[in-house]
PDB file of N, CA and C in Angstrom:
ATOM      1  N   MET A   1     -13.167 -14.517 -12.140  1.00  0.00           N
ATOM      2  CA  MET A   1     -12.715 -14.529 -13.616  1.00  0.00           C
ATOM      3  C   MET A   1     -11.120 -14.900 -13.682  1.00  0.00           C
ATOM      4  N   GLU A   2     -10.528 -15.157 -14.573  1.00  0.00           N
ATOM      5  CA  GLU A   2      -9.133 -15.629 -14.933  1.00  0.00           C
ATOM      6  C   GLU A   2      -8.677 -14.466 -15.014  1.00  0.00           C
ATOM      7  N   GLN A   3      -7.322 -14.357 -15.045  1.00  0.00           N
ATOM      8  CA  GLN A   3      -6.538 -13.102 -14.875  1.00  0.00           C
ATOM      9  C   GLN A   3      -6.529 -12.508 -16.336  1.00  0.00           C
ATOM     10  N   LEU A   4      -6.635 -10.970 -16.539  1.00  0.00           N
ATOM     11  CA  LEU A   4      -7.007 -10.168 -17.319  1.00  0.00           C
ATOM     12  C   LEU A   4      -5.672 -10.181 -18.576  1.00  0.00           C
ATOM     13  N   THR A   5      -5.795  -9.833 -19.566  1.00  0.00           N
ATOM     14  CA  THR A   5      -4.566  -9.342 -20.269  1.00  0.00           C
ATOM     15  C   THR A   5      -4.710  -8.133 -21.058  1.00  0.00           C
ATOM     16  N   ILE A   6      -3.735  -8.213 -21.458  1.00  0.00           N
ATOM     17  CA  ILE A   6      -3.723  -6.492 -22.271  1.00  0.00           C
ATOM     18  C   ILE A   6      -3.951  -6.706 -23.511  1.00  0.00           C
ATOM     19  N   HIS A   7      -5.057  -5.760 -24.192  1.00  0.00           N
ATOM     20  CA  HIS A   7      -5.312  -5.496 -26.008  1.00  0.00           C
ATOM     21  C   HIS A   7      -4.680  -4.393 -26.148  1.00  0.00           C
ATOM     22  N   HIS A   8      -3.937  -4.293 -27.330  1.00  0.00           N
ATOM     23  CA  HIS A   8      -3.520  -3.028 -27.473  1.00  0.00           C
ATOM     24  C   HIS A   8      -4.493  -2.546 -28.727  1.00  0.00           C
ATOM     25  N   LEU A   9      -5.224  -1.662 -28.751  1.00  0.00           N
ATOM     26  CA  LEU A   9      -6.470  -1.336 -29.622  1.00  0.00           C
ATOM     27  C   LEU A   9      -5.753  -1.558 -30.884  1.00  0.00           C
ATOM     28  N   ILE A  10      -4.880  -0.527 -31.100  1.00  0.00           N
ATOM     29  CA  ILE A  10      -4.141  -0.659 -32.771  1.00  0.00           C
ATOM     30  C   ILE A  10      -2.744  -1.627 -32.089  1.00  0.00           C
ATOM     31  N   PRO A  11      -2.787  -2.601 -32.737  1.00  0.00           N
ATOM     32  CA  PRO A  11      -1.988  -3.699 -32.781  1.00  0.00           C
ATOM     33  C   PRO A  11      -0.675  -3.192 -32.955  1.00  0.00           C
ATOM     34  N   ARG A  12       0.111  -3.970 -32.140  1.00  0.00           N
ATOM     35  CA  ARG A  12       1.686  -3.321 -32.034  1.00  0.00           C
ATOM     36  C   ARG A  12       2.485  -3.535 -33.417  1.00  0.00           C
ATOM     37  N   GLN A  13       1.730  -4.944 -33.924  1.00  0.00           N
ATOM     38  CA  GLN A  13       2.753  -4.987 -35.310  1.00  0.00           C
ATOM     39  C   GLN A  13       2.781  -3.341 -36.120  1.00  0.00           C
ATOM     40  N   SER A  14       1.208  -2.752 -36.034  1.00  0.00           N
ATOM     41  CA  SER A  14       1.131  -1.413 -37.183  1.00  0.00           C
ATOM     42  C   SER A  14       1.647  -0.322 -36.558  1.00  0.00           C
ATOM     43  N   THR A  15       2.217  -0.233 -35.068  1.00  0.00           N
ATOM     44  CA  THR A  15       3.170   0.904 -34.302  1.00  0.00           C
ATOM     45  C   THR A  15       4.354   0.636 -34.434  1.00  0.00           C
ATOM     46  N   LYS A  16       4.969  -0.536 -34.513  1.00  0.00           N
ATOM     47  CA  LYS A  16       6.201  -0.831 -34.338  1.00  0.00           C
ATOM     48  C   LYS A  16       7.069  -0.418 -35.903  1.00  0.00           C
ATOM     49  N   ARG A  17       6.334  -0.673 -36.694  1.00  0.00           N
ATOM     50  CA  ARG A  17       6.613  -0.418 -38.045  1.00  0.00           C
ATOM     51  C   ARG A  17       6.652   0.719 -38.188  1.00  0.00           C
ATOM     52  N   LYS A  18       5.852   1.958 -37.845  1.00  0.00           N
ATOM     53  CA  LYS A  18       6.035   3.422 -38.168  1.00  0.00           C
ATOM     54  C   LYS A  18       6.745   3.546 -37.163  1.00  0.00           C
ATOM     55  N   LYS A  19       7.534   3.229 -36.356  1.00  0.00           N
ATOM     56  CA  LYS A  19       8.273   3.753 -35.110  1.00  0.00           C
ATOM     57  C   LYS A  19       7.636   4.966 -34.257  1.00  0.00           C
ATOM     58  N   VAL A  20       6.437   4.527 -33.821  1.00  0.00           N
ATOM     59  CA  VAL A  20       5.688   5.172 -32.736  1.00  0.00           C
ATOM     60  C   VAL A  20       5.201   4.375 -31.687  1.00  0.00           C
ATOM     61  N   LYS A  21       4.712   5.322 -30.917  1.00  0.00           N
ATOM     62  CA  LYS A  21       4.613   4.849 -29.399  1.00  0.00           C
ATOM     63  C   LYS A  21       3.314   3.980 -29.574  1.00  0.00           C
ATOM     64  N   PRO A  22       3.167   2.669 -29.001  1.00  0.00           N
ATOM     65  CA  PRO A  22       2.167   1.838 -28.887  1.00  0.00           C
ATOM     66  C   PRO A  22       0.828   2.649 -28.583  1.00  0.00           C
ATOM     67  N   GLY A  23      -0.388   2.297 -29.149  1.00  0.00           N
ATOM     68  CA  GLY A  23      -1.729   3.394 -28.546  1.00  0.00           C
ATOM     69  C   GLY A  23      -2.226   2.784 -27.544  1.00  0.00           C
ATOM     70  N   PRO A  24      -3.541   3.229 -27.244  1.00  0.00           N
ATOM     71  CA  PRO A  24      -4.123   2.936 -26.441  1.00  0.00           C
ATOM     72  C   PRO A  24      -4.264   1.024 -25.667  1.00  0.00           C
ATOM     73  N   THR A  25      -4.406   0.692 -24.808  1.00  0.00           N
ATOM     74  CA  THR A  25      -4.720  -0.692 -24.544  1.00  0.00           C
ATOM     75  C   THR A  25      -6.140  -0.997 -23.398  1.00  0.00           C
ATOM     76  N   ILE A  26      -6.445  -1.900 -23.531  1.00  0.00           N
ATOM     77  CA  ILE A  26      -7.603  -2.383 -22.787  1.00  0.00           C
ATOM     78  C   ILE A  26      -7.718  -3.460 -22.488  1.00  0.00           C
ATOM     79  N   ASN A  27      -7.770  -3.967 -21.127  1.00  0.00           N
ATOM     80  CA  ASN A  27      -7.865  -5.156 -20.014  1.00  0.00           C
ATOM     81  C   ASN A  27      -8.858  -5.744 -20.446  1.00  0.00           C
ATOM     82  N   ILE A  28      -8.708  -6.982 -21.271  1.00  0.00           N
ATOM     83  CA  ILE A  28      -9.857  -8.044 -21.232  1.00  0.00           C
ATOM     84  C   ILE A  28      -9.423  -9.587 -20.728  1.00  0.00           C
ATOM     85  N   CYS A  29     -10.776 -10.498 -21.019  1.00  0.00           N
ATOM     86  CA  CYS A  29     -10.027 -11.945 -20.233  1.00  0.00           C
ATOM     87  C   CYS A  29      -9.391 -12.156 -21.587  1.00  0.00           C
ATOM     88  N   SER A  30      -8.575 -13.681 -21.175  1.00  0.00           N
ATOM     89  CA  SER A  30      -7.853 -14.157 -22.333  1.00  0.00           C
ATOM     90  C   SER A  30      -8.662 -14.914 -23.317  1.00  0.00           C
ATOM     91  N   ALA A  31     -10.106 -15.482 -23.195  1.00  0.00           N
ATOM     92  CA  ALA A  31     -10.784 -15.938 -24.171  1.00  0.00           C
ATOM     93  C   ALA A  31     -11.314 -14.772 -24.910  1.00  0.00           C
ATOM     94  N   CYS A  32     -11.641 -13.854 -24.509  1.00  0.00           N
ATOM     95  CA  CYS A  32     -11.927 -12.892 -25.409  1.00  0.00           C
ATOM     96  C   CYS A  32     -10.597 -12.070 -26.232  1.00  0.00           C
ATOM     97  N   HIS A  33      -9.284 -11.869 -25.484  1.00  0.00           N
ATOM     98  CA  HIS A  33      -8.679 -11.783 -26.423  1.00  0.00           C
ATOM     99  C   HIS A  33      -8.051 -12.997 -27.679  1.00  0.00           C
ATOM    100  N   ARG A  34      -8.151 -13.913 -27.351  1.00  0.00           N
ATOM    101  CA  ARG A  34      -7.881 -14.799 -28.349  1.00  0.00           C
ATOM    102  C   ARG A  34      -8.927 -14.902 -29.633  1.00  0.00           C
ATOM    103  N   GLN A  35     -10.014 -14.978 -29.063  1.00  0.00           N
ATOM    104  CA  GLN A  35     -11.426 -14.799 -30.098  1.00  0.00           C
ATOM    105  C   GLN A  35     -11.223 -13.279 -30.833  1.00  0.00           C
ATOM    106  N   ILE A  36     -10.758 -12.245 -30.412  1.00  0.00           N
ATOM    107  CA  ILE A  36     -10.899 -11.216 -31.190  1.00  0.00           C
ATOM    108  C   ILE A  36      -9.362 -11.298 -32.452  1.00  0.00           C
ATOM    109  N   HIS A  37      -8.541 -11.880 -31.722  1.00  0.00           N
ATOM    110  CA  HIS A  37      -7.100 -12.222 -32.951  1.00  0.00           C
ATOM    111  C   HIS A  37      -7.603 -13.472 -33.737  1.00  0.00           C
ATOM    112  N   SER A  38      -8.687 -14.602 -33.371  1.00  0.00           N
ATOM    113  CA  SER A  38      -9.087 -15.152 -34.485  1.00  0.00           C
ATOM    114  C   SER A  38     -10.424 -14.670 -35.347  1.00  0.00           C
ATOM    115  N   PHE A  39     -11.231 -13.589 -35.118  1.00  0.00           N
ATOM    116  CA  PHE A  39     -11.983 -13.509 -36.171  1.00  0.00           C
ATOM    117  C   PHE A  39     -11.442 -12.062 -36.741  1.00  0.00           C
ATOM    118  N   PHE A  40     -10.203 -11.373 -36.534  1.00  0.00           N
ATOM    119  CA  PHE A  40      -9.788 -10.163 -37.302  1.00  0.00           C
ATOM    120  C   PHE A  40      -8.130 -10.082 -37.158  1.00  0.00           C
ATOM    121  N   ASP A  41      -8.112  -9.995 -38.713  1.00  0.00           N
ATOM    122  CA  ASP A  41      -6.475  -9.685 -38.722  1.00  0.00           C
ATOM    123  C   ASP A  41      -6.245  -8.275 -38.032  1.00  0.00           C
ATOM    124  N   ASN A  42      -4.892  -8.126 -37.933  1.00  0.00           N
ATOM    125  CA  ASN A  42      -4.311  -6.766 -37.338  1.00  0.00           C
ATOM    126  C   ASN A  42      -4.354  -5.439 -38.007  1.00  0.00           C
ATOM    127  N   LYS A  43      -4.808  -5.995 -39.446  1.00  0.00           N
ATOM    128  CA  LYS A  43      -4.817  -4.543 -40.310  1.00  0.00           C
ATOM    129  C   LYS A  43      -6.235  -4.286 -40.138  1.00  0.00           C
ATOM    130  N   HIS A  44      -7.290  -4.930 -40.030  1.00  0.00           N
ATOM    131  CA  HIS A  44      -8.488  -4.707 -39.870  1.00  0.00           C
ATOM    132  C   HIS A  44      -9.168  -4.414 -38.386  1.00  0.00           C
ATOM    133  N   LEU A  45      -7.950  -4.808 -37.648  1.00  0.00           N
ATOM    134  CA  LEU A  45      -8.258  -4.032 -35.948  1.00  0.00           C
ATOM    135  C   LEU A  45      -7.414  -2.840 -35.780  1.00  0.00           C
ATOM    136  N   ALA A  46      -6.674  -2.647 -36.741  1.00  0.00           N
ATOM    137  CA  ALA A  46      -6.247  -0.955 -36.804  1.00  0.00           C
ATOM    138  C   ALA A  46      -7.101  -0.419 -37.556  1.00  0.00           C
ATOM    139  N   ARG A  47      -7.253  -0.416 -38.240  1.00  0.00           N
ATOM    140  CA  ARG A  47      -8.391   0.646 -39.251  1.00  0.00           C
ATOM    141  C   ARG A  47      -9.648   0.362 -38.641  1.00  0.00           C
ATOM    142  N   GLU A  48     -10.332  -0.472 -38.084  1.00  0.00           N
ATOM    143  CA  GLU A  48     -11.870  -0.544 -38.343  1.00  0.00           C
ATOM    144  C   GLU A  48     -12.195  -0.850 -36.684  1.00  0.00           C
ATOM    145  N   LEU A  49     -11.384  -1.585 -36.181  1.00  0.00           N
ATOM    146  CA  LEU A  49     -12.052  -1.889 -34.478  1.00  0.00           C
ATOM    147  C   LEU A  49     -10.983  -1.428 -33.584  1.00  0.00           C
ATOM    148  N   ASN A  50     -10.675  -0.206 -33.555  1.00  0.00           N
ATOM    149  CA  ASN A  50      -9.218   0.510 -32.667  1.00  0.00           C
ATOM    150  C   ASN A  50     -10.312   0.824 -31.730  1.00  0.00           C
ATOM    151  N   THR A  51     -11.119   0.885 -31.289  1.00  0.00           N
ATOM    152  CA  THR A  51     -12.125   1.439 -29.768  1.00  0.00           C
ATOM    153  C   THR A  51     -12.599   0.543 -29.041  1.00  0.00           C
ATOM    154  N   LEU A  52     -12.632   0.117 -27.962  1.00  0.00           N
ATOM    155  CA  LEU A  52     -13.544  -0.443 -27.247  1.00  0.00           C
ATOM    156  C   LEU A  52     -14.917  -0.579 -27.544  1.00  0.00           C
ATOM    157  N   GLU A  53     -15.432   0.386 -27.943  1.00  0.00           N
ATOM    158  CA  GLU A  53     -16.884   0.680 -28.208  1.00  0.00           C
ATOM    159  C   GLU A  53     -17.204  -0.320 -29.887  1.00  0.00           C
ATOM    160  N   LYS A  54     -16.098   0.108 -30.825  1.00  0.00           N
ATOM    161  CA  LYS A  54     -16.406  -0.413 -32.003  1.00  0.00           C
ATOM    162  C   LYS A  54     -15.998  -1.833 -31.886  1.00  0.00           C
ATOM    163  N   LEU A  55     -15.470  -2.345 -30.992  1.00  0.00           N
ATOM    164  CA  LEU A  55     -15.186  -4.137 -30.546  1.00  0.00           C
ATOM    165  C   LEU A  55     -16.561  -4.395 -30.202  1.00  0.00           C
ATOM    166  N   ARG A  56     -16.841  -3.663 -29.041  1.00  0.00           N
ATOM    167  CA  ARG A  56     -18.134  -4.309 -28.757  1.00  0.00           C
ATOM    168  C   ARG A  56     -19.368  -4.422 -29.481  1.00  0.00           C
ATOM    169  N   ASN A  57     -19.127  -3.249 -30.240  1.00  0.00           N
ATOM    170  CA  ASN A  57     -20.349  -3.416 -31.320  1.00  0.00           C
ATOM    171  C   ASN A  57     -20.308  -4.157 -32.480  1.00  0.00           C
ATOM    172  N   GLU A  58     -19.296  -4.670 -33.024  1.00  0.00           N
ATOM    173  CA  GLU A  58     -19.133  -5.571 -33.929  1.00  0.00           C
ATOM    174  C   GLU A  58     -19.919  -6.768 -34.038  1.00  0.00           C
ATOM    175  N   PRO A  59     -20.479  -7.413 -34.642  1.00  0.00           N
ATOM    176  CA  PRO A  59     -21.476  -8.214 -34.623  1.00  0.00           C
ATOM    177  C   PRO A  59     -21.175  -9.570 -34.112  1.00  0.00           C
ATOM    178  N   GLN A  60     -20.341 -10.021 -34.361  1.00  0.00           N
ATOM    179  CA  GLN A  60     -19.353 -11.214 -34.245  1.00  0.00           C
ATOM    180  C   GLN A  60     -19.302 -11.244 -32.766  1.00  0.00           C
ATOM    181  N   MET A  61     -18.644 -10.233 -32.514  1.00  0.00           N
ATOM    182  CA  MET A  61     -18.074  -9.874 -30.850  1.00  0.00           C
ATOM    183  C   MET A  61     -19.123  -9.610 -30.070  1.00  0.00           C
ATOM    184  N   GLN A  62     -20.461  -9.403 -30.588  1.00  0.00           N
ATOM    185  CA  GLN A  62     -21.500  -9.353 -29.812  1.00  0.00           C
ATOM    186  C   GLN A  62     -22.067 -10.572 -29.265  1.00  0.00           C
ATOM    187  N   LYS A  63     -21.985 -11.737 -30.639  1.00  0.00           N
ATOM    188  CA  LYS A  63     -22.451 -12.873 -30.572  1.00  0.00           C
ATOM    189  C   LYS A  63     -21.236 -13.537 -29.215  1.00  0.00           C
ATOM    190  N   PHE A  64     -20.127 -13.503 -29.583  1.00  0.00           N
ATOM    191  CA  PHE A  64     -19.256 -14.274 -28.306  1.00  0.00           C
ATOM    192  C   PHE A  64     -19.791 -13.486 -27.303  1.00  0.00           C
ATOM    193  N   LEU A  65     -19.498 -12.478 -27.015  1.00  0.00           N
ATOM    194  CA  LEU A  65     -19.910 -11.800 -25.580  1.00  0.00           C
ATOM    195  C   LEU A  65     -21.178 -12.245 -25.037  1.00  0.00           C
ATOM    196  N   SER A  66     -22.007 -12.245 -26.025  1.00  0.00           N
ATOM    197  CA  SER A  66     -23.463 -13.050 -25.251  1.00  0.00           C
ATOM    198  C   SER A  66     -23.179 -14.446 -24.833  1.00  0.00           C
ATOM    199  N   TRP A  67     -22.355 -15.223 -25.114  1.00  0.00           N
ATOM    200  CA  TRP A  67     -22.179 -16.653 -25.257  1.00  0.00           C
ATOM    201  C   TRP A  67     -21.204 -16.834 -24.073  1.00  0.00           C
ATOM    202  N   ILE A  68     -20.008 -15.781 -23.855  1.00  0.00           N
ATOM    203  CA  ILE A  68     -19.037 -16.549 -22.873  1.00  0.00           C
ATOM    204  C   ILE A  68     -19.567 -15.404 -21.595  1.00  0.00           C
ATOM    205  N   LYS A  69     -20.649 -14.735 -21.401  1.00  0.00           N
ATOM    206  CA  LYS A  69     -20.797 -14.558 -20.344  1.00  0.00           C
ATOM    207  C   LYS A  69     -21.863 -15.314 -19.635  1.00  0.00           C
ATOM    208  N   LYS A  70     -22.294 -16.608 -20.104  1.00  0.00           N
ATOM    209  CA  LYS A  70     -23.012 -17.666 -19.612  1.00  0.00           C
ATOM    210  C   LYS A  70     -21.776 -18.787 -19.215  1.00  0.00           C
ATOM    211  N   GLN A  71     -20.232 -18.630 -19.419  1.00  0.00           N
ATOM    212  CA  GLN A  71     -19.549 -19.644 -19.435  1.00  0.00           C
ATOM    213  C   GLN A  71     -18.950 -19.478 -17.936  1.00  0.00           C
ATOM    214  N   ASN A  72     -18.425 -20.881 -17.150  1.00  0.00           N
ATOM    215  CA  ASN A  72     -18.226 -20.420 -16.299  1.00  0.00           C
ATOM    216  C   ASN A  72     -16.764 -19.816 -15.879  1.00  0.00           C
ATOM    217  N   PRO A  73     -16.596 -18.842 -15.421  1.00  0.00           N
ATOM    218  CA  PRO A  73     -15.540 -18.244 -15.436  1.00  0.00           C
ATOM    219  C   PRO A  73     -13.965 -18.740 -15.182  1.00  0.00           C
ATOM    220  N   SER A  74     -14.054 -19.879 -14.040  1.00  0.00           N
ATOM    221  CA  SER A  74     -12.708 -20.518 -13.654  1.00  0.00           C
ATOM    222  C   SER A  74     -12.268 -21.410 -14.600  1.00  0.00           C
ATOM    223  N   LYS A  75     -13.259 -22.004 -15.742  1.00  0.00           N
ATOM    224  CA  LYS A  75     -12.252 -22.734 -16.962  1.00  0.00           C
ATOM    225  C   LYS A  75     -12.123 -21.959 -17.987  1.00  0.00           C
ATOM    226  N   ARG A  76     -10.959 -22.797 -18.380  1.00  0.00           N
ATOM    227  CA  ARG A  76     -10.569 -21.997 -19.770  1.00  0.00           C
ATOM    228  C   ARG A  76     -11.655 -22.390 -20.928  1.00  0.00           C
ATOM    229  N   VAL A  77     -11.731 -21.495 -21.591  1.00  0.00           N
ATOM    230  CA  VAL A  77     -12.823 -21.575 -22.522  1.00  0.00           C
ATOM    231  C   VAL A  77     -11.914 -21.523 -24.062  1.00  0.00           C
ATOM    232  N   LYS A  78     -12.884 -22.887 -25.007  1.00  0.00           N
ATOM    233  CA  LYS A  78     -11.942 -22.944 -25.955  1.00  0.00           C
ATOM    234  C   LYS A  78     -12.447 -21.942 -27.206  1.00  0.00           C
ATOM    235  N   ILE A  79     -11.500 -21.240 -27.853  1.00  0.00           N
ATOM    236  CA  ILE A  79     -12.445 -20.683 -29.011  1.00  0.00           C
ATOM    237  C   ILE A  79     -12.368 -21.168 -30.385  1.00  0.00           C
ATOM    238  N   HIS A  80     -13.277 -20.765 -30.976  1.00  0.00           N
ATOM    239  CA  HIS A  80     -13.430 -20.650 -32.627  1.00  0.00           C
ATOM    240  C   HIS A  80     -13.121 -20.234 -33.536  1.00  0.00           C
ATOM    241  N   ARG A  81     -12.008 -20.898 -33.703  1.00  0.00           N
ATOM    242  CA  ARG A  81     -10.625 -20.544 -35.224  1.00  0.00           C
ATOM    243  C   ARG A  81     -11.842 -20.358 -36.572  1.00  0.00           C
ATOM    244  N   GLN A  82     -11.539 -19.132 -36.874  1.00  0.00           N
ATOM    245  CA  GLN A  82     -11.805 -18.995 -38.116  1.00  0.00           C
ATOM    246  C   GLN A  82     -11.008 -19.270 -38.995  1.00  0.00           C
ATOM    247  N   GLY A  83     -11.447 -19.809 -40.526  1.00  0.00           N
ATOM    248  CA  GLY A  83     -10.206 -20.796 -41.338  1.00  0.00           C
ATOM    249  C   GLY A  83     -10.967 -21.251 -42.491  1.00  0.00           C
TER     250      GLY A  83
END
């Protein structure tokens, strides 16, 4: 698997504005991290998807996770931008 990245469960944008410490983080692969930020804006992430369990149970992410598990872990995966 490629190197893991740090995902802030409550986006840093939200914590910086309120001048509070950054919230909890998780280590995830780059493809998952990019896809999360493609699917959801920071406000939605902060309000609705601020735990690993909530992210995993979100229908769009479930579909993506099912697909990504089948991909070659040594290759960079293109994500699908919402738009």
